[in-house]
C-alpha cells in the first residue's frame, strides 16, 4: 500500500472512531456519564487493569506456542518484551503493533516466512477462539435477541467459522483435484494456520486463545461491579464476546468508537443502561491504554530501540499486510 493510500486509510479510521463516539455522546446524558466514570470503585478499576496486564502473559504464551510449532526457538522473556512493546505502539501508531512486533522479531534473526506466518496465524487463531466462545454462549444468547437481522448475521458468522474450521482440519484429506481448484494463496494461508493447530501442544494453544477472551469478559464484569451495573457473570460471558468481535473489525483506531457502540447495544440486551454500558467500555479502553503505557516503559529499556525507525518498521510489516488480505 502506497504512503498516500495509508494516510487516507488512517484518516478514515480516525473519522470512524470520532464519528461514532460523537454520535454516542450526543445521545447520552454527559453529566451522568461523567458521574459514572468518577464514581467507579478504584479497587475494581485496578483489578480490571491487572487482569488486562495479566492477559499480555497469556497472549505471549499463545504466540510462543505458534512460533514453536513453526520451529522458531524464541525465549519466553524476549517474546513477552516484544509483545508488551507492541501494545504500546498499538496506542501511538495506527496498526503499528504488528509492524513493531515483526521488526523486533526480525532483529532476533527470525526469517521472513515464520515471522509473517506467526503473526497471521496469531490473528486467525484469536478469531477462531472467539468464535468458540460465542458458540458456547449461543443457547443463552438466542432468547435475548429480538432482531432477526442481527440473529441471522451472528448465525452466518458462526456457520462460516465452523465451516472454515472443518475445512482446515480436513485439508490434508482433500482430493488433489479439489485442492488444485482452490486459489493458491488460500491454500498457503490454510497450511500456515494449520501448522500450529496440528502441532503437539494444540490443546494448550486453543486453551490459551480462549482464556485471552475470557479475561476481557472478566475485566468487563469487574468494571460493571465497580460501577454498580447489574451485569451478571453469565450476561458478560454471553454478550461481551460480541463486543470483542465487533471491535476486531479494522475500521477504527484501536477499536475506539466501534467498541463503545457495540457495548451499548450488547449490554442493552441485558437491561444495562446505555450510560453504564458506555462507561464500562470507556474504562476498558483506558485500562488498555494503561497497559500500553507500561509497554512504553519496557520499550525505553529494550535493546532493540537503538536501531528503531518507524518508517523501517512499517516497511518491514508490508509483507504481512499483503499476506493477510
C-alpha atoms as a PDB file:
ATOM      1  CA  UNK A   1       0.000   0.000   0.000  1.00  0.00           C
ATOM      2  CA  UNK A   2       1.454   3.373  -1.028  1.00  0.00           C
ATOM      3  CA  UNK A   3       2.027   6.091   1.630  1.00  0.00           C
ATOM      4  CA  UNK A   4      -0.844   8.369   0.401  1.00  0.00           C
ATOM      5  CA  UNK A   5      -3.236   5.399   0.500  1.00  0.00           C
ATOM      6  CA  UNK A   6      -2.044   4.512   4.017  1.00  0.00           C
ATOM      7  CA  UNK A   7      -2.664   8.086   5.137  1.00  0.00           C
ATOM      8  CA  UNK A   8      -6.189   8.007   3.705  1.00  0.00           C
ATOM      9  CA  UNK A   9      -6.937   4.695   5.446  1.00  0.00           C
ATOM     10  CA  UNK A  10      -5.650   6.086   8.755  1.00  0.00           C
ATOM     11  CA  UNK A  11      -7.724   9.250   8.370  1.00  0.00           C
ATOM     12  CA  UNK A  12     -10.782   7.149   7.571  1.00  0.00           C
ATOM     13  CA  UNK A  13     -10.242   5.087  10.728  1.00  0.00           C
ATOM     14  CA  UNK A  14      -9.910   8.249  12.820  1.00  0.00           C
ATOM     15  CA  UNK A  15     -13.108   9.569  11.237  1.00  0.00           C
ATOM     16  CA  UNK A  16     -14.979   6.351  12.085  1.00  0.00           C
ATOM     17  CA  UNK A  17     -13.792   6.368  15.712  1.00  0.00           C
ATOM     18  CA  UNK A  18     -14.519  10.048  16.270  1.00  0.00           C
ATOM     19  CA  UNK A  19     -17.816   9.935  14.370  1.00  0.00           C
ATOM     20  CA  UNK A  20     -19.229   7.010  16.362  1.00  0.00           C
ATOM     21  CA  UNK A  21     -18.070   8.499  19.667  1.00  0.00           C
ATOM     22  CA  UNK A  22     -19.729  11.822  18.825  1.00  0.00           C
ATOM     23  CA  UNK A  23     -22.991  10.078  17.921  1.00  0.00           C
ATOM     24  CA  UNK A  24     -22.915   8.107  21.175  1.00  0.00           C
ATOM     25  CA  UNK A  25     -22.101  11.122  23.323  1.00  0.00           C
ATOM     26  CA  UNK A  26     -24.915  13.135  21.732  1.00  0.00           C
ATOM     27  CA  UNK A  27     -27.436  10.505  22.829  1.00  0.00           C
ATOM     28  CA  UNK A  28     -26.115  10.298  26.395  1.00  0.00           C
ATOM     29  CA  UNK A  29     -26.508  12.427  29.470  1.00  0.00           C
ATOM     30  CA  UNK A  30     -22.912  13.643  29.758  1.00  0.00           C
ATOM     31  CA  UNK A  31     -23.298  14.585  33.417  1.00  0.00           C
ATOM     32  CA  UNK A  32     -24.470  11.037  34.180  1.00  0.00           C
ATOM     33  CA  UNK A  33     -21.593   9.528  32.178  1.00  0.00           C
ATOM     34  CA  UNK A  34     -19.082  11.765  33.937  1.00  0.00           C
ATOM     35  CA  UNK A  35     -20.543  10.838  37.322  1.00  0.00           C
ATOM     36  CA  UNK A  36     -20.251   7.127  36.482  1.00  0.00           C
ATOM     37  CA  UNK A  37     -16.630   7.458  35.386  1.00  0.00           C
ATOM     38  CA  UNK A  38     -15.680   9.379  38.527  1.00  0.00           C
ATOM     39  CA  UNK A  39     -17.662   7.124  40.858  1.00  0.00           C
ATOM     40  CA  UNK A  40     -16.101   3.823  39.739  1.00  0.00           C
ATOM     41  CA  UNK A  41     -14.596   1.880  42.616  1.00  0.00           C
ATOM     42  CA  UNK A  42     -10.837   2.266  42.371  1.00  0.00           C
ATOM     43  CA  UNK A  43     -10.178  -1.254  43.657  1.00  0.00           C
ATOM     44  CA  UNK A  44     -12.324  -2.732  40.880  1.00  0.00           C
ATOM     45  CA  UNK A  45     -10.694  -0.464  38.283  1.00  0.00           C
ATOM     46  CA  UNK A  46      -7.238  -1.527  39.487  1.00  0.00           C
ATOM     47  CA  UNK A  47      -8.302  -5.195  39.388  1.00  0.00           C
ATOM     48  CA  UNK A  48      -9.549  -4.798  35.794  1.00  0.00           C
ATOM     49  CA  UNK A  49      -6.246  -3.209  34.745  1.00  0.00           C
ATOM     50  CA  UNK A  50      -4.380  -6.030  36.499  1.00  0.00           C
ATOM     51  CA  UNK A  51      -6.436  -8.563  34.509  1.00  0.00           C
ATOM     52  CA  UNK A  52      -5.594  -6.788  31.249  1.00  0.00           C
ATOM     53  CA  UNK A  53      -1.916  -6.752  32.219  1.00  0.00           C
ATOM     54  CA  UNK A  54      -2.026 -10.477  33.064  1.00  0.00           C
ATOM     55  CA  UNK A  55      -3.625 -11.012  29.665  1.00  0.00           C
ATOM     56  CA  UNK A  56      -0.346  -9.999  27.998  1.00  0.00           C
ATOM     57  CA  UNK A  57       1.346 -13.071  29.502  1.00  0.00           C
ATOM     58  CA  UNK A  58      -1.301 -15.377  28.052  1.00  0.00           C
ATOM     59  CA  UNK A  59      -1.047 -13.558  24.706  1.00  0.00           C
ATOM     60  CA  UNK A  60       2.692 -14.143  24.780  1.00  0.00           C
ATOM     61  CA  UNK A  61       2.203 -17.819  25.637  1.00  0.00           C
ATOM     62  CA  UNK A  62      -0.114 -18.276  22.643  1.00  0.00           C
ATOM     63  CA  UNK A  63       2.360 -16.581  20.315  1.00  0.00           C
ATOM     64  CA  UNK A  64       5.303 -18.583  21.675  1.00  0.00           C
ATOM     65  CA  UNK A  65       3.388 -21.833  21.075  1.00  0.00           C
ATOM     66  CA  UNK A  66       2.697 -20.753  17.489  1.00  0.00           C
ATOM     67  CA  UNK A  67       6.373 -19.914  16.944  1.00  0.00           C
ATOM     68  CA  UNK A  68       7.459 -23.262  18.384  1.00  0.00           C
ATOM     69  CA  UNK A  69       5.087 -25.044  16.014  1.00  0.00           C
ATOM     70  CA  UNK A  70       6.988 -23.251  13.240  1.00  0.00           C
ATOM     71  CA  UNK A  71      10.345 -24.308  14.749  1.00  0.00           C
ATOM     72  CA  UNK A  72      11.275 -20.805  15.937  1.00  0.00           C
ATOM     73  CA  UNK A  73      13.111 -21.083  19.304  1.00  0.00           C
ATOM     74  CA  UNK A  74      12.267 -17.662  20.785  1.00  0.00           C
ATOM     75  CA  UNK A  75      12.741 -17.478  24.556  1.00  0.00           C
ATOM     76  CA  UNK A  76       9.705 -16.516  26.621  1.00  0.00           C
ATOM     77  CA  UNK A  77      11.028 -13.287  28.176  1.00  0.00           C
ATOM     78  CA  UNK A  78      12.061 -11.883  24.794  1.00  0.00           C
ATOM     79  CA  UNK A  79       8.679 -12.814  23.361  1.00  0.00           C
ATOM     80  CA  UNK A  80       6.843 -11.051  26.186  1.00  0.00           C
ATOM     81  CA  UNK A  81       9.004  -7.940  25.807  1.00  0.00           C
ATOM     82  CA  UNK A  82       8.218  -7.813  22.087  1.00  0.00           C
ATOM     83  CA  UNK A  83       4.506  -8.322  22.703  1.00  0.00           C
ATOM     84  CA  UNK A  84       4.130  -5.747  25.508  1.00  0.00           C
ATOM     85  CA  UNK A  85       6.026  -3.193  23.412  1.00  0.00           C
ATOM     86  CA  UNK A  86       3.653  -3.879  20.514  1.00  0.00           C
ATOM     87  CA  UNK A  87       0.711  -2.973  22.787  1.00  0.00           C
ATOM     88  CA  UNK A  88       2.296   0.441  23.299  1.00  0.00           C
ATOM     89  CA  UNK A  89       2.682   1.033  19.576  1.00  0.00           C
ATOM     90  CA  UNK A  90      -0.916  -0.057  19.012  1.00  0.00           C
ATOM     91  CA  UNK A  91      -1.811   3.009  21.075  1.00  0.00           C
ATOM     92  CA  UNK A  92       0.569   5.537  19.481  1.00  0.00           C
ATOM     93  CA  UNK A  93       0.669   4.317  15.861  1.00  0.00           C
ATOM     94  CA  UNK A  94      -2.397   3.185  13.885  1.00  0.00           C
ATOM     95  CA  UNK A  95      -1.932  -0.561  13.299  1.00  0.00           C
ATOM     96  CA  UNK A  96       1.667  -0.125  14.483  1.00  0.00           C
ATOM     97  CA  UNK A  97       1.770  -3.017  16.943  1.00  0.00           C
ATOM     98  CA  UNK A  98       2.184  -5.788  14.396  1.00  0.00           C
ATOM     99  CA  UNK A  99       4.747  -3.739  12.462  1.00  0.00           C
ATOM    100  CA  UNK A 100       6.924  -3.341  15.552  1.00  0.00           C
ATOM    101  CA  UNK A 101       6.420  -6.967  16.571  1.00  0.00           C
ATOM    102  CA  UNK A 102       7.654  -8.129  13.163  1.00  0.00           C
ATOM    103  CA  UNK A 103      10.535  -5.650  13.177  1.00  0.00           C
ATOM    104  CA  UNK A 104      11.739  -6.749  16.632  1.00  0.00           C
ATOM    105  CA  UNK A 105      11.389 -10.428  15.768  1.00  0.00           C
ATOM    106  CA  UNK A 106      13.464  -9.894  12.640  1.00  0.00           C
ATOM    107  CA  UNK A 107      16.145  -8.261  14.810  1.00  0.00           C
ATOM    108  CA  UNK A 108      16.464 -11.608  16.608  1.00  0.00           C
ATOM    109  CA  UNK A 109      17.312 -13.370  13.377  1.00  0.00           C
ATOM    110  CA  UNK A 110      13.932 -14.948  12.654  1.00  0.00           C
ATOM    111  CA  UNK A 111      13.412 -15.439   8.924  1.00  0.00           C
ATOM    112  CA  UNK A 112      10.642 -13.766   6.905  1.00  0.00           C
ATOM    113  CA  UNK A 113       8.403 -16.791   6.429  1.00  0.00           C
ATOM    114  CA  UNK A 114       7.941 -17.833  10.086  1.00  0.00           C
ATOM    115  CA  UNK A 115       7.812 -14.187  11.180  1.00  0.00           C
ATOM    116  CA  UNK A 116       4.908 -13.335   8.903  1.00  0.00           C
ATOM    117  CA  UNK A 117       3.233 -16.712   9.385  1.00  0.00           C
ATOM    118  CA  UNK A 118       3.279 -16.396  13.178  1.00  0.00           C
ATOM    119  CA  UNK A 119       1.501 -13.007  13.094  1.00  0.00           C
ATOM    120  CA  UNK A 120      -1.130 -14.136  10.582  1.00  0.00           C
ATOM    121  CA  UNK A 121      -1.726 -17.401  12.456  1.00  0.00           C
ATOM    122  CA  UNK A 122      -1.958 -15.495  15.744  1.00  0.00           C
ATOM    123  CA  UNK A 123      -4.688 -13.250  14.339  1.00  0.00           C
ATOM    124  CA  UNK A 124      -6.631 -16.151  12.861  1.00  0.00           C
ATOM    125  CA  UNK A 125      -6.466 -18.320  15.980  1.00  0.00           C
ATOM    126  CA  UNK A 126      -7.701 -15.389  18.066  1.00  0.00           C
ATOM    127  CA  UNK A 127     -10.786 -15.162  15.835  1.00  0.00           C
ATOM    128  CA  UNK A 128     -11.226 -18.942  15.915  1.00  0.00           C
ATOM    129  CA  UNK A 129     -11.169 -18.960  19.713  1.00  0.00           C
ATOM    130  CA  UNK A 130     -13.588 -16.028  19.818  1.00  0.00           C
ATOM    131  CA  UNK A 131     -15.985 -17.943  17.581  1.00  0.00           C
ATOM    132  CA  UNK A 132     -15.760 -20.884  20.002  1.00  0.00           C
ATOM    133  CA  UNK A 133     -16.652 -18.669  22.964  1.00  0.00           C
ATOM    134  CA  UNK A 134     -19.581 -17.086  21.104  1.00  0.00           C
ATOM    135  CA  UNK A 135     -20.821 -20.524  20.053  1.00  0.00           C
ATOM    136  CA  UNK A 136     -20.718 -21.701  23.690  1.00  0.00           C
ATOM    137  CA  UNK A 137     -22.876 -18.738  24.677  1.00  0.00           C
ATOM    138  CA  UNK A 138     -25.395 -19.109  21.849  1.00  0.00           C
ATOM    139  CA  UNK A 139     -28.004 -21.114  23.866  1.00  0.00           C
ATOM    140  CA  UNK A 140     -28.166 -18.187  26.323  1.00  0.00           C
ATOM    141  CA  UNK A 141     -27.946 -15.510  23.618  1.00  0.00           C
ATOM    142  CA  UNK A 142     -30.763 -16.622  21.324  1.00  0.00           C
ATOM    143  CA  UNK A 143     -33.629 -15.885  23.762  1.00  0.00           C
ATOM    144  CA  UNK A 144     -32.323 -12.325  24.221  1.00  0.00           C
ATOM    145  CA  UNK A 145     -32.278 -11.324  20.544  1.00  0.00           C
ATOM    146  CA  UNK A 146     -35.479  -9.905  19.128  1.00  0.00           C
ATOM    147  CA  UNK A 147     -33.918  -8.501  15.958  1.00  0.00           C
ATOM    148  CA  UNK A 148     -33.987 -11.222  13.295  1.00  0.00           C
ATOM    149  CA  UNK A 149     -31.412  -9.463  11.117  1.00  0.00           C
ATOM    150  CA  UNK A 150     -28.906  -9.424  13.998  1.00  0.00           C
ATOM    151  CA  UNK A 151     -29.608 -13.080  14.695  1.00  0.00           C
ATOM    152  CA  UNK A 152     -29.074 -14.006  11.037  1.00  0.00           C
ATOM    153  CA  UNK A 153     -25.777 -12.076  10.969  1.00  0.00           C
ATOM    154  CA  UNK A 154     -24.484 -13.879  14.068  1.00  0.00           C
ATOM    155  CA  UNK A 155     -25.532 -17.283  12.732  1.00  0.00           C
ATOM    156  CA  UNK A 156     -23.817 -16.587   9.375  1.00  0.00           C
ATOM    157  CA  UNK A 157     -20.574 -15.595  11.124  1.00  0.00           C
ATOM    158  CA  UNK A 158     -20.613 -18.695  13.348  1.00  0.00           C
ATOM    159  CA  UNK A 159     -21.544 -21.017  10.469  1.00  0.00           C
ATOM    160  CA  UNK A 160     -18.690 -19.599   8.395  1.00  0.00           C
ATOM    161  CA  UNK A 161     -16.283 -20.103  11.301  1.00  0.00           C
ATOM    162  CA  UNK A 162     -17.421 -23.727  11.763  1.00  0.00           C
ATOM    163  CA  UNK A 163     -17.121 -24.414   8.044  1.00  0.00           C
ATOM    164  CA  UNK A 164     -13.646 -22.866   7.968  1.00  0.00           C
ATOM    165  CA  UNK A 165     -12.513 -24.930  10.961  1.00  0.00           C
ATOM    166  CA  UNK A 166     -13.790 -28.163   9.403  1.00  0.00           C
ATOM    167  CA  UNK A 167     -12.123 -27.327   6.084  1.00  0.00           C
ATOM    168  CA  UNK A 168      -8.884 -26.512   7.907  1.00  0.00           C
ATOM    169  CA  UNK A 169      -8.915 -29.730   9.934  1.00  0.00           C
ATOM    170  CA  UNK A 170      -9.557 -31.944   6.904  1.00  0.00           C
ATOM    171  CA  UNK A 171      -7.350 -30.124   4.382  1.00  0.00           C
ATOM    172  CA  UNK A 172      -4.766 -32.914   4.251  1.00  0.00           C
ATOM    173  CA  UNK A 173      -7.504 -35.402   3.282  1.00  0.00           C
ATOM    174  CA  UNK A 174      -8.892 -33.431   0.363  1.00  0.00           C
ATOM    175  CA  UNK A 175      -8.523 -34.981  -3.106  1.00  0.00           C
ATOM    176  CA  UNK A 176      -5.667 -33.340  -5.084  1.00  0.00           C
ATOM    177  CA  UNK A 177      -8.120 -32.114  -7.736  1.00  0.00           C
ATOM    178  CA  UNK A 178     -10.189 -30.295  -5.107  1.00  0.00           C
ATOM    179  CA  UNK A 179      -7.089 -28.634  -3.624  1.00  0.00           C
ATOM    180  CA  UNK A 180      -5.963 -27.609  -7.123  1.00  0.00           C
ATOM    181  CA  UNK A 181      -9.309 -25.854  -7.652  1.00  0.00           C
ATOM    182  CA  UNK A 182      -8.739 -23.607  -4.618  1.00  0.00           C
ATOM    183  CA  UNK A 183      -6.691 -20.399  -5.189  1.00  0.00           C
ATOM    184  CA  UNK A 184      -3.051 -20.945  -4.239  1.00  0.00           C
ATOM    185  CA  UNK A 185      -2.956 -18.074  -1.739  1.00  0.00           C
ATOM    186  CA  UNK A 186      -5.900 -19.524   0.184  1.00  0.00           C
ATOM    187  CA  UNK A 187      -4.216 -22.945   0.321  1.00  0.00           C
ATOM    188  CA  UNK A 188      -0.967 -21.336   1.533  1.00  0.00           C
ATOM    189  CA  UNK A 189      -2.846 -19.402   4.208  1.00  0.00           C
ATOM    190  CA  UNK A 190      -4.688 -22.540   5.332  1.00  0.00           C
ATOM    191  CA  UNK A 191      -1.456 -24.529   5.556  1.00  0.00           C
ATOM    192  CA  UNK A 192       0.377 -21.930   7.660  1.00  0.00           C
ATOM    193  CA  UNK A 193      -2.556 -21.614  10.067  1.00  0.00           C
ATOM    194  CA  UNK A 194      -2.989 -25.383  10.207  1.00  0.00           C
ATOM    195  CA  UNK A 195       0.632 -25.889  11.300  1.00  0.00           C
ATOM    196  CA  UNK A 196       0.185 -24.745  14.936  1.00  0.00           C
ATOM    197  CA  UNK A 197      -3.223 -26.443  15.154  1.00  0.00           C
ATOM    198  CA  UNK A 198      -1.663 -29.730  14.081  1.00  0.00           C
ATOM    199  CA  UNK A 199       1.302 -29.396  16.454  1.00  0.00           C
ATOM    200  CA  UNK A 200       1.738 -31.361  19.662  1.00  0.00           C
ATOM    201  CA  UNK A 201       0.585 -28.569  22.010  1.00  0.00           C
ATOM    202  CA  UNK A 202      -2.552 -27.592  20.060  1.00  0.00           C
ATOM    203  CA  UNK A 203      -4.812 -28.209  23.076  1.00  0.00           C
ATOM    204  CA  UNK A 204      -2.813 -25.798  25.203  1.00  0.00           C
ATOM    205  CA  UNK A 205      -2.725 -23.339  22.293  1.00  0.00           C
ATOM    206  CA  UNK A 206      -6.510 -23.240  21.916  1.00  0.00           C
ATOM    207  CA  UNK A 207      -6.986 -23.092  25.688  1.00  0.00           C
ATOM    208  CA  UNK A 208      -4.709 -20.033  25.845  1.00  0.00           C
ATOM    209  CA  UNK A 209      -6.553 -18.396  22.944  1.00  0.00           C
ATOM    210  CA  UNK A 210      -9.913 -18.901  24.693  1.00  0.00           C
ATOM    211  CA  UNK A 211      -8.614 -17.729  28.084  1.00  0.00           C
ATOM    212  CA  UNK A 212      -7.470 -14.458  26.494  1.00  0.00           C
ATOM    213  CA  UNK A 213     -11.061 -13.613  25.545  1.00  0.00           C
ATOM    214  CA  UNK A 214     -12.392 -14.780  28.900  1.00  0.00           C
ATOM    215  CA  UNK A 215     -10.008 -12.357  30.616  1.00  0.00           C
ATOM    216  CA  UNK A 216     -11.566  -9.483  28.661  1.00  0.00           C
ATOM    217  CA  UNK A 217     -15.005 -10.770  29.686  1.00  0.00           C
ATOM    218  CA  UNK A 218     -13.866 -10.882  33.317  1.00  0.00           C
ATOM    219  CA  UNK A 219     -12.455  -7.345  33.107  1.00  0.00           C
ATOM    220  CA  UNK A 220     -15.812  -6.038  31.856  1.00  0.00           C
ATOM    221  CA  UNK A 221     -17.616  -7.888  34.653  1.00  0.00           C
ATOM    222  CA  UNK A 222     -15.247  -6.385  37.237  1.00  0.00           C
ATOM    223  CA  UNK A 223     -15.785  -2.882  35.813  1.00  0.00           C
ATOM    224  CA  UNK A 224     -19.549  -3.426  35.935  1.00  0.00           C
ATOM    225  CA  UNK A 225     -19.241  -4.295  39.631  1.00  0.00           C
ATOM    226  CA  UNK A 226     -17.192  -1.162  40.146  1.00  0.00           C
ATOM    227  CA  UNK A 227     -19.953   0.912  38.513  1.00  0.00           C
ATOM    228  CA  UNK A 228     -22.810  -0.887  40.313  1.00  0.00           C
ATOM    229  CA  UNK A 229     -24.170  -2.029  36.958  1.00  0.00           C
ATOM    230  CA  UNK A 230     -26.429  -5.123  37.161  1.00  0.00           C
ATOM    231  CA  UNK A 231     -24.338  -7.243  34.789  1.00  0.00           C
ATOM    232  CA  UNK A 232     -24.174 -10.890  35.809  1.00  0.00           C
ATOM    233  CA  UNK A 233     -21.209 -13.121  35.017  1.00  0.00           C
ATOM    234  CA  UNK A 234     -23.403 -15.090  32.597  1.00  0.00           C
ATOM    235  CA  UNK A 235     -24.519 -11.911  30.815  1.00  0.00           C
ATOM    236  CA  UNK A 236     -20.878 -10.856  30.472  1.00  0.00           C
ATOM    237  CA  UNK A 237     -19.888 -14.270  29.095  1.00  0.00           C
ATOM    238  CA  UNK A 238     -22.700 -14.209  26.526  1.00  0.00           C
ATOM    239  CA  UNK A 239     -22.587 -10.557  25.420  1.00  0.00           C
ATOM    240  CA  UNK A 240     -19.018  -9.243  25.760  1.00  0.00           C
ATOM    241  CA  UNK A 241     -17.581 -11.622  23.104  1.00  0.00           C
ATOM    242  CA  UNK A 242     -19.932  -9.959  20.590  1.00  0.00           C
ATOM    243  CA  UNK A 243     -18.316  -6.644  21.520  1.00  0.00           C
ATOM    244  CA  UNK A 244     -14.839  -8.125  21.074  1.00  0.00           C
ATOM    245  CA  UNK A 245     -15.843  -9.422  17.641  1.00  0.00           C
ATOM    246  CA  UNK A 246     -17.204  -6.029  16.597  1.00  0.00           C
ATOM    247  CA  UNK A 247     -14.143  -4.108  17.765  1.00  0.00           C
ATOM    248  CA  UNK A 248     -11.852  -6.558  15.933  1.00  0.00           C
ATOM    249  CA  UNK A 249     -13.142  -5.240  12.600  1.00  0.00           C
ATOM    250  CA  UNK A 250     -10.259  -2.967  11.419  1.00  0.00           C
ATOM    251  CA  UNK A 251     -12.315   0.135  10.611  1.00  0.00           C
ATOM    252  CA  UNK A 252     -11.354   2.298  13.596  1.00  0.00           C
ATOM    253  CA  UNK A 253      -8.349   3.280  15.694  1.00  0.00           C
ATOM    254  CA  UNK A 254      -7.753   0.672  18.380  1.00  0.00           C
ATOM    255  CA  UNK A 255     -11.423  -0.313  18.249  1.00  0.00           C
ATOM    256  CA  UNK A 256     -12.454   3.035  19.771  1.00  0.00           C
ATOM    257  CA  UNK A 257     -15.958   4.025  18.819  1.00  0.00           C
ATOM    258  CA  UNK A 258     -16.897   0.642  17.404  1.00  0.00           C
ATOM    259  CA  UNK A 259     -16.291  -0.984  20.790  1.00  0.00           C
ATOM    260  CA  UNK A 260     -18.378   1.655  22.581  1.00  0.00           C
ATOM    261  CA  UNK A 261     -21.270   1.357  20.151  1.00  0.00           C
ATOM    262  CA  UNK A 262     -21.212  -2.432  20.330  1.00  0.00           C
ATOM    263  CA  UNK A 263     -21.014  -2.379  24.146  1.00  0.00           C
ATOM    264  CA  UNK A 264     -24.064  -0.131  24.431  1.00  0.00           C
ATOM    265  CA  UNK A 265     -26.033  -2.339  22.017  1.00  0.00           C
ATOM    266  CA  UNK A 266     -24.915  -5.674  23.509  1.00  0.00           C
ATOM    267  CA  UNK A 267     -25.322  -4.840  27.191  1.00  0.00           C
ATOM    268  CA  UNK A 268     -28.682  -3.284  26.376  1.00  0.00           C
ATOM    269  CA  UNK A 269     -29.882  -6.859  25.768  1.00  0.00           C
ATOM    270  CA  UNK A 270     -29.220  -7.486  29.475  1.00  0.00           C
ATOM    271  CA  UNK A 271     -31.063  -4.339  30.547  1.00  0.00           C
ATOM    272  CA  UNK A 272     -27.900  -2.323  31.263  1.00  0.00           C
ATOM    273  CA  UNK A 273     -28.461   1.427  30.873  1.00  0.00           C
ATOM    274  CA  UNK A 274     -26.610   2.947  27.931  1.00  0.00           C
ATOM    275  CA  UNK A 275     -24.616   5.349  30.113  1.00  0.00           C
ATOM    276  CA  UNK A 276     -23.405   2.463  32.297  1.00  0.00           C
ATOM    277  CA  UNK A 277     -22.504   0.375  29.245  1.00  0.00           C
ATOM    278  CA  UNK A 278     -20.642   3.307  27.687  1.00  0.00           C
ATOM    279  CA  UNK A 279     -18.754   3.897  30.935  1.00  0.00           C
ATOM    280  CA  UNK A 280     -17.726   0.210  31.067  1.00  0.00           C
ATOM    281  CA  UNK A 281     -16.404   0.414  27.500  1.00  0.00           C
ATOM    282  CA  UNK A 282     -14.518   3.679  28.073  1.00  0.00           C
ATOM    283  CA  UNK A 283     -12.912   2.320  31.245  1.00  0.00           C
ATOM    284  CA  UNK A 284     -11.975  -0.883  29.411  1.00  0.00           C
ATOM    285  CA  UNK A 285     -10.292   1.222  26.724  1.00  0.00           C
ATOM    286  CA  UNK A 286      -8.488   3.309  29.341  1.00  0.00           C
ATOM    287  CA  UNK A 287      -7.304   0.103  31.014  1.00  0.00           C
ATOM    288  CA  UNK A 288      -5.822  -0.955  27.688  1.00  0.00           C
ATOM    289  CA  UNK A 289      -4.103   2.422  27.427  1.00  0.00           C
ATOM    290  CA  UNK A 290      -2.539   1.975  30.866  1.00  0.00           C
ATOM    291  CA  UNK A 291      -1.165  -1.429  29.864  1.00  0.00           C
ATOM    292  CA  UNK A 292       0.094   0.144  26.644  1.00  0.00           C
ATOM    293  CA  UNK A 293       1.898   2.876  28.580  1.00  0.00           C
ATOM    294  CA  UNK A 294       3.642   0.188  30.626  1.00  0.00           C
ATOM    295  CA  UNK A 295       4.734  -1.292  27.298  1.00  0.00           C
ATOM    296  CA  UNK A 296       6.205   2.127  26.516  1.00  0.00           C
ATOM    297  CA  UNK A 297       8.336   1.929  29.648  1.00  0.00           C
ATOM    298  CA  UNK A 298       9.539  -1.520  28.587  1.00  0.00           C
ATOM    299  CA  UNK A 299      10.351  -0.052  25.154  1.00  0.00           C
ATOM    300  CA  UNK A 300      12.610   2.575  26.737  1.00  0.00           C
ATOM    301  CA  UNK A 301      14.764  -0.233  28.153  1.00  0.00           C
ATOM    302  CA  UNK A 302      14.508  -2.566  25.139  1.00  0.00           C
ATOM    303  CA  UNK A 303      17.842  -3.328  23.436  1.00  0.00           C
ATOM    304  CA  UNK A 304      16.179  -3.176  20.002  1.00  0.00           C
ATOM    305  CA  UNK A 305      15.247   0.512  20.458  1.00  0.00           C
ATOM    306  CA  UNK A 306      18.678   1.819  19.470  1.00  0.00           C
ATOM    307  CA  UNK A 307      18.199   0.876  15.810  1.00  0.00           C
ATOM    308  CA  UNK A 308      14.460   1.589  15.595  1.00  0.00           C
ATOM    309  CA  UNK A 309      12.882   3.605  12.795  1.00  0.00           C
ATOM    310  CA  UNK A 310       9.098   3.878  12.478  1.00  0.00           C
ATOM    311  CA  UNK A 311       9.385   4.039   8.682  1.00  0.00           C
ATOM    312  CA  UNK A 312      11.531   0.902   8.611  1.00  0.00           C
ATOM    313  CA  UNK A 313       9.071  -0.909  10.880  1.00  0.00           C
ATOM    314  CA  UNK A 314       6.176  -0.048   8.579  1.00  0.00           C
ATOM    315  CA  UNK A 315       8.178  -1.198   5.574  1.00  0.00           C
ATOM    316  CA  UNK A 316       9.001  -4.464   7.320  1.00  0.00           C
ATOM    317  CA  UNK A 317       5.290  -5.025   8.006  1.00  0.00           C
ATOM    318  CA  UNK A 318       4.263  -4.633   4.342  1.00  0.00           C
ATOM    319  CA  UNK A 319       4.542  -8.364   3.540  1.00  0.00           C
ATOM    320  CA  UNK A 320       2.274  -9.161   6.491  1.00  0.00           C
ATOM    321  CA  UNK A 321      -0.389  -6.772   5.245  1.00  0.00           C
ATOM    322  CA  UNK A 322      -0.237  -8.480   1.874  1.00  0.00           C
ATOM    323  CA  UNK A 323      -0.302 -11.968   3.372  1.00  0.00           C
ATOM    324  CA  UNK A 324      -3.380 -11.283   5.488  1.00  0.00           C
ATOM    325  CA  UNK A 325      -5.535  -9.987   2.622  1.00  0.00           C
END
